[in-house]
Amino acid sequence: MSELIEYLDRERLKISFSTLIIRVSSVNEYFGQLSEFVREADLYGVTNGKIHLMAEMMDPPYGLFNLADEHPIRLGLEEKKDYVIVTEQLTTSGGENPLLNKPIPELKDVPWLNSLITREGYYVWYNDRMVDIPVKRTTQKRIF
């Protein structure tokens, strides 16, 4: 695995601030190995082999928007189908928060991700129950 990404051996990954989430199977299908994609694009982040996360502290996350424009979009990946950008909202430690113990609203139309908001933060994981519909992509593209 590339030194720019960290592999985490767990299903659920915690997102921080604003996070670009990429479906690894889409990168593998259209580009090749995730580690090669990350190295060639000079990216960073964490992965569990199913999803890859890259976070930034800016709001709005212009750096992530630029990354999406430069890499996933140029590969032919589509927003919500292959990647998504999510912004974490702070949860309060006291009182009732209507979002607690519910899925992340921004991900309701992203069938390949499951999510949960807890007092400890936002968590996402790959939806293994989703049936992948093959997309006919004729050639792999290099983006650099």
C-alpha atoms as a PDB file:
ATOM      1  CA  MET A   1       0.000   0.000   0.000  1.00  0.00           C
ATOM      2  CA  SER A   2       1.245   3.479  -0.732  1.00  0.00           C
ATOM      3  CA  GLU A   3       2.796   5.432   2.128  1.00  0.00           C
ATOM      4  CA  LEU A   4       0.321   8.218   1.375  1.00  0.00           C
ATOM      5  CA  ILE A   5      -2.625   6.084   2.463  1.00  0.00           C
ATOM      6  CA  GLU A   6      -3.237   4.149   5.617  1.00  0.00           C
ATOM      7  CA  TYR A   7      -5.035   0.804   5.565  1.00  0.00           C
ATOM      8  CA  LEU A   8      -7.514   0.324   8.438  1.00  0.00           C
ATOM      9  CA  ASP A   9      -8.719  -3.210   9.096  1.00  0.00           C
ATOM     10  CA  ARG A  10     -12.283  -2.334  10.037  1.00  0.00           C
ATOM     11  CA  GLU A  11     -15.593  -2.021   8.244  1.00  0.00           C
ATOM     12  CA  ARG A  12     -16.733   1.306   9.703  1.00  0.00           C
ATOM     13  CA  LEU A  13     -14.582   4.365   9.117  1.00  0.00           C
ATOM     14  CA  LYS A  14     -14.993   7.668  10.904  1.00  0.00           C
ATOM     15  CA  ILE A  15     -15.197  10.780   8.774  1.00  0.00           C
ATOM     16  CA  SER A  16     -13.795  14.118   9.895  1.00  0.00           C
ATOM     17  CA  PHE A  17     -14.634  17.636   8.829  1.00  0.00           C
ATOM     18  CA  SER A  18     -15.270  17.488   5.058  1.00  0.00           C
ATOM     19  CA  THR A  19     -14.478  14.126   3.495  1.00  0.00           C
ATOM     20  CA  LEU A  20     -14.247  12.834  -0.059  1.00  0.00           C
ATOM     21  CA  ILE A  21     -15.357   9.188  -0.084  1.00  0.00           C
ATOM     22  CA  ILE A  22     -14.408   7.121  -3.143  1.00  0.00           C
ATOM     23  CA  ARG A  23     -15.704   3.638  -3.912  1.00  0.00           C
ATOM     24  CA  VAL A  24     -12.552   1.541  -4.330  1.00  0.00           C
ATOM     25  CA  SER A  25     -14.202  -0.933  -6.715  1.00  0.00           C
ATOM     26  CA  SER A  26     -14.857   1.959  -9.124  1.00  0.00           C
ATOM     27  CA  VAL A  27     -11.194   2.994  -9.072  1.00  0.00           C
ATOM     28  CA  ASN A  28     -10.122  -0.633  -9.540  1.00  0.00           C
ATOM     29  CA  GLU A  29     -12.513  -1.084 -12.453  1.00  0.00           C
ATOM     30  CA  TYR A  30     -11.674   2.090 -14.307  1.00  0.00           C
ATOM     31  CA  PHE A  31      -8.093   2.841 -13.355  1.00  0.00           C
ATOM     32  CA  GLY A  32      -6.406  -0.108 -11.667  1.00  0.00           C
ATOM     33  CA  GLN A  33      -5.154  -0.573  -8.123  1.00  0.00           C
ATOM     34  CA  LEU A  34      -6.040   2.077  -5.558  1.00  0.00           C
ATOM     35  CA  SER A  35      -2.422   2.350  -4.408  1.00  0.00           C
ATOM     36  CA  GLU A  36      -1.331   3.183  -7.971  1.00  0.00           C
ATOM     37  CA  PHE A  37      -4.139   5.731  -8.345  1.00  0.00           C
ATOM     38  CA  VAL A  38      -3.177   7.404  -5.054  1.00  0.00           C
ATOM     39  CA  ARG A  39       0.518   7.486  -5.947  1.00  0.00           C
ATOM     40  CA  GLU A  40       0.022   8.863  -9.464  1.00  0.00           C
ATOM     41  CA  ALA A  41      -2.517  11.454  -8.321  1.00  0.00           C
ATOM     42  CA  ASP A  42      -0.438  12.341  -5.236  1.00  0.00           C
ATOM     43  CA  LEU A  43      -3.423  11.760  -2.962  1.00  0.00           C
ATOM     44  CA  TYR A  44      -3.662  10.803   0.702  1.00  0.00           C
ATOM     45  CA  GLY A  45      -6.152   9.307   3.144  1.00  0.00           C
ATOM     46  CA  VAL A  46      -7.349   6.079   4.677  1.00  0.00           C
ATOM     47  CA  THR A  47      -8.955   2.982   3.187  1.00  0.00           C
ATOM     48  CA  ASN A  48     -10.373  -0.330   4.306  1.00  0.00           C
ATOM     49  CA  GLY A  49     -10.135  -1.751   0.792  1.00  0.00           C
ATOM     50  CA  LYS A  50     -13.778  -0.957   0.026  1.00  0.00           C
ATOM     51  CA  ILE A  51     -13.923   2.811   0.488  1.00  0.00           C
ATOM     52  CA  HIS A  52     -11.198   5.450   0.457  1.00  0.00           C
ATOM     53  CA  LEU A  53     -11.515   8.636   2.536  1.00  0.00           C
ATOM     54  CA  MET A  54      -9.684  11.958   2.195  1.00  0.00           C
ATOM     55  CA  ALA A  55     -10.523  14.756   4.636  1.00  0.00           C
ATOM     56  CA  GLU A  56      -9.866  18.474   4.891  1.00  0.00           C
ATOM     57  CA  MET A  57     -10.785  21.062   7.507  1.00  0.00           C
ATOM     58  CA  MET A  58     -12.012  23.805   5.165  1.00  0.00           C
ATOM     59  CA  ASP A  59     -15.690  24.617   4.769  1.00  0.00           C
ATOM     60  CA  PRO A  60     -16.586  24.700   1.979  1.00  0.00           C
ATOM     61  CA  PRO A  61     -13.993  22.049   1.087  1.00  0.00           C
ATOM     62  CA  TYR A  62     -12.488  23.692  -2.003  1.00  0.00           C
ATOM     63  CA  GLY A  63      -9.485  21.357  -1.919  1.00  0.00           C
ATOM     64  CA  LEU A  64     -11.759  18.304  -2.121  1.00  0.00           C
ATOM     65  CA  PHE A  65     -13.869  19.905  -4.850  1.00  0.00           C
ATOM     66  CA  ASN A  66     -10.672  20.511  -6.826  1.00  0.00           C
ATOM     67  CA  LEU A  67      -9.505  16.923  -6.229  1.00  0.00           C
ATOM     68  CA  ALA A  68     -12.852  15.606  -7.470  1.00  0.00           C
ATOM     69  CA  ASP A  69     -12.603  17.792 -10.572  1.00  0.00           C
ATOM     70  CA  GLU A  70      -9.006  16.771 -11.274  1.00  0.00           C
ATOM     71  CA  HIS A  71      -9.142  13.035 -10.638  1.00  0.00           C
ATOM     72  CA  PRO A  72     -12.410  11.089 -10.159  1.00  0.00           C
ATOM     73  CA  ILE A  73     -14.351  13.163 -12.675  1.00  0.00           C
ATOM     74  CA  ARG A  74     -11.564  12.985 -15.265  1.00  0.00           C
ATOM     75  CA  LEU A  75     -11.541   9.203 -14.819  1.00  0.00           C
ATOM     76  CA  GLY A  76     -15.227   9.122 -15.701  1.00  0.00           C
ATOM     77  CA  LEU A  77     -16.382   8.478 -12.139  1.00  0.00           C
ATOM     78  CA  GLU A  78     -19.748   9.941 -11.231  1.00  0.00           C
ATOM     79  CA  GLU A  79     -20.805  11.760  -8.091  1.00  0.00           C
ATOM     80  CA  LYS A  80     -22.936   9.602  -5.767  1.00  0.00           C
ATOM     81  CA  LYS A  81     -22.342   6.569  -7.972  1.00  0.00           C
ATOM     82  CA  ASP A  82     -18.573   6.357  -7.442  1.00  0.00           C
ATOM     83  CA  TYR A  83     -17.677   9.127  -4.995  1.00  0.00           C
ATOM     84  CA  VAL A  84     -19.289  11.679  -2.698  1.00  0.00           C
ATOM     85  CA  ILE A  85     -18.236  14.626  -0.531  1.00  0.00           C
ATOM     86  CA  VAL A  86     -19.731  14.786   2.969  1.00  0.00           C
ATOM     87  CA  THR A  87     -19.401  17.520   5.580  1.00  0.00           C
ATOM     88  CA  GLU A  88     -19.513  16.486   9.223  1.00  0.00           C
ATOM     89  CA  GLN A  89     -21.797  18.553  11.450  1.00  0.00           C
ATOM     90  CA  LEU A  90     -20.867  18.835  15.096  1.00  0.00           C
ATOM     91  CA  THR A  91     -23.009  16.801  17.450  1.00  0.00           C
ATOM     92  CA  THR A  92     -23.679  18.173  20.900  1.00  0.00           C
ATOM     93  CA  SER A  93     -22.602  16.286  23.976  1.00  0.00           C
ATOM     94  CA  GLY A  94     -25.730  17.280  25.861  1.00  0.00           C
ATOM     95  CA  GLY A  95     -29.347  17.638  24.925  1.00  0.00           C
ATOM     96  CA  GLU A  96     -31.212  15.995  22.113  1.00  0.00           C
ATOM     97  CA  ASN A  97     -29.945  16.087  18.575  1.00  0.00           C
ATOM     98  CA  PRO A  98     -32.477  14.886  15.983  1.00  0.00           C
ATOM     99  CA  LEU A  99     -29.664  13.479  13.801  1.00  0.00           C
ATOM    100  CA  LEU A 100     -28.221  11.136  16.429  1.00  0.00           C
ATOM    101  CA  ASN A 101     -28.450   7.416  15.685  1.00  0.00           C
ATOM    102  CA  LYS A 102     -29.641   8.102  12.145  1.00  0.00           C
ATOM    103  CA  PRO A 103     -27.957   7.849   8.741  1.00  0.00           C
ATOM    104  CA  ILE A 104     -26.071  10.856   7.397  1.00  0.00           C
ATOM    105  CA  PRO A 105     -28.684  12.818   5.399  1.00  0.00           C
ATOM    106  CA  GLU A 106     -26.221  13.721   2.606  1.00  0.00           C
ATOM    107  CA  LEU A 107     -25.786  10.008   1.868  1.00  0.00           C
ATOM    108  CA  LYS A 108     -29.440   9.034   1.494  1.00  0.00           C
ATOM    109  CA  ASP A 109     -29.092   8.721  -2.303  1.00  0.00           C
ATOM    110  CA  VAL A 110     -25.749   6.867  -2.201  1.00  0.00           C
ATOM    111  CA  PRO A 111     -26.695   3.168  -2.304  1.00  0.00           C
ATOM    112  CA  TRP A 112     -23.149   1.823  -1.873  1.00  0.00           C
ATOM    113  CA  LEU A 113     -22.670   3.510   1.523  1.00  0.00           C
ATOM    114  CA  ASN A 114     -24.247   2.964   4.901  1.00  0.00           C
ATOM    115  CA  SER A 115     -23.787   5.573   7.601  1.00  0.00           C
ATOM    116  CA  LEU A 116     -24.572   6.454  11.191  1.00  0.00           C
ATOM    117  CA  ILE A 117     -24.309   9.634  13.249  1.00  0.00           C
ATOM    118  CA  THR A 118     -23.338   9.021  16.862  1.00  0.00           C
ATOM    119  CA  ARG A 119     -22.191  11.257  19.713  1.00  0.00           C
ATOM    120  CA  GLU A 120     -18.657  10.112  18.858  1.00  0.00           C
ATOM    121  CA  GLY A 121     -18.943  11.235  15.230  1.00  0.00           C
ATOM    122  CA  TYR A 122     -19.999  10.267  11.725  1.00  0.00           C
ATOM    123  CA  TYR A 123     -19.308   6.728  10.529  1.00  0.00           C
ATOM    124  CA  VAL A 124     -19.531   5.243   7.046  1.00  0.00           C
ATOM    125  CA  TRP A 125     -19.129   1.733   5.680  1.00  0.00           C
ATOM    126  CA  TYR A 126     -19.529  -0.015   2.370  1.00  0.00           C
ATOM    127  CA  ASN A 127     -22.936  -1.541   1.717  1.00  0.00           C
ATOM    128  CA  ASP A 128     -22.001  -5.148   0.932  1.00  0.00           C
ATOM    129  CA  ARG A 129     -25.658  -5.957   0.252  1.00  0.00           C
ATOM    130  CA  MET A 130     -25.841  -3.617  -2.694  1.00  0.00           C
ATOM    131  CA  VAL A 131     -25.806  -5.444  -5.982  1.00  0.00           C
ATOM    132  CA  ASP A 132     -23.288  -3.798  -8.270  1.00  0.00           C
ATOM    133  CA  ILE A 133     -24.684  -3.149 -11.701  1.00  0.00           C
ATOM    134  CA  PRO A 134     -21.780  -3.492 -14.106  1.00  0.00           C
ATOM    135  CA  VAL A 135     -20.988  -0.379 -16.050  1.00  0.00           C
ATOM    136  CA  LYS A 136     -19.607  -0.898 -19.536  1.00  0.00           C
ATOM    137  CA  ARG A 137     -16.321   0.928 -19.562  1.00  0.00           C
ATOM    138  CA  THR A 138     -14.211   0.042 -22.495  1.00  0.00           C
ATOM    139  CA  THR A 139     -10.729   1.154 -21.499  1.00  0.00           C
ATOM    140  CA  GLN A 140      -8.798   2.168 -18.476  1.00  0.00           C
ATOM    141  CA  LYS A 141      -7.705   5.777 -18.482  1.00  0.00           C
ATOM    142  CA  ARG A 142      -4.612   7.361 -17.072  1.00  0.00           C
ATOM    143  CA  ILE A 143      -5.299  10.768 -15.656  1.00  0.00           C
ATOM    144  CA  PHE A 144      -1.822  12.204 -15.503  1.00  0.00           C
END
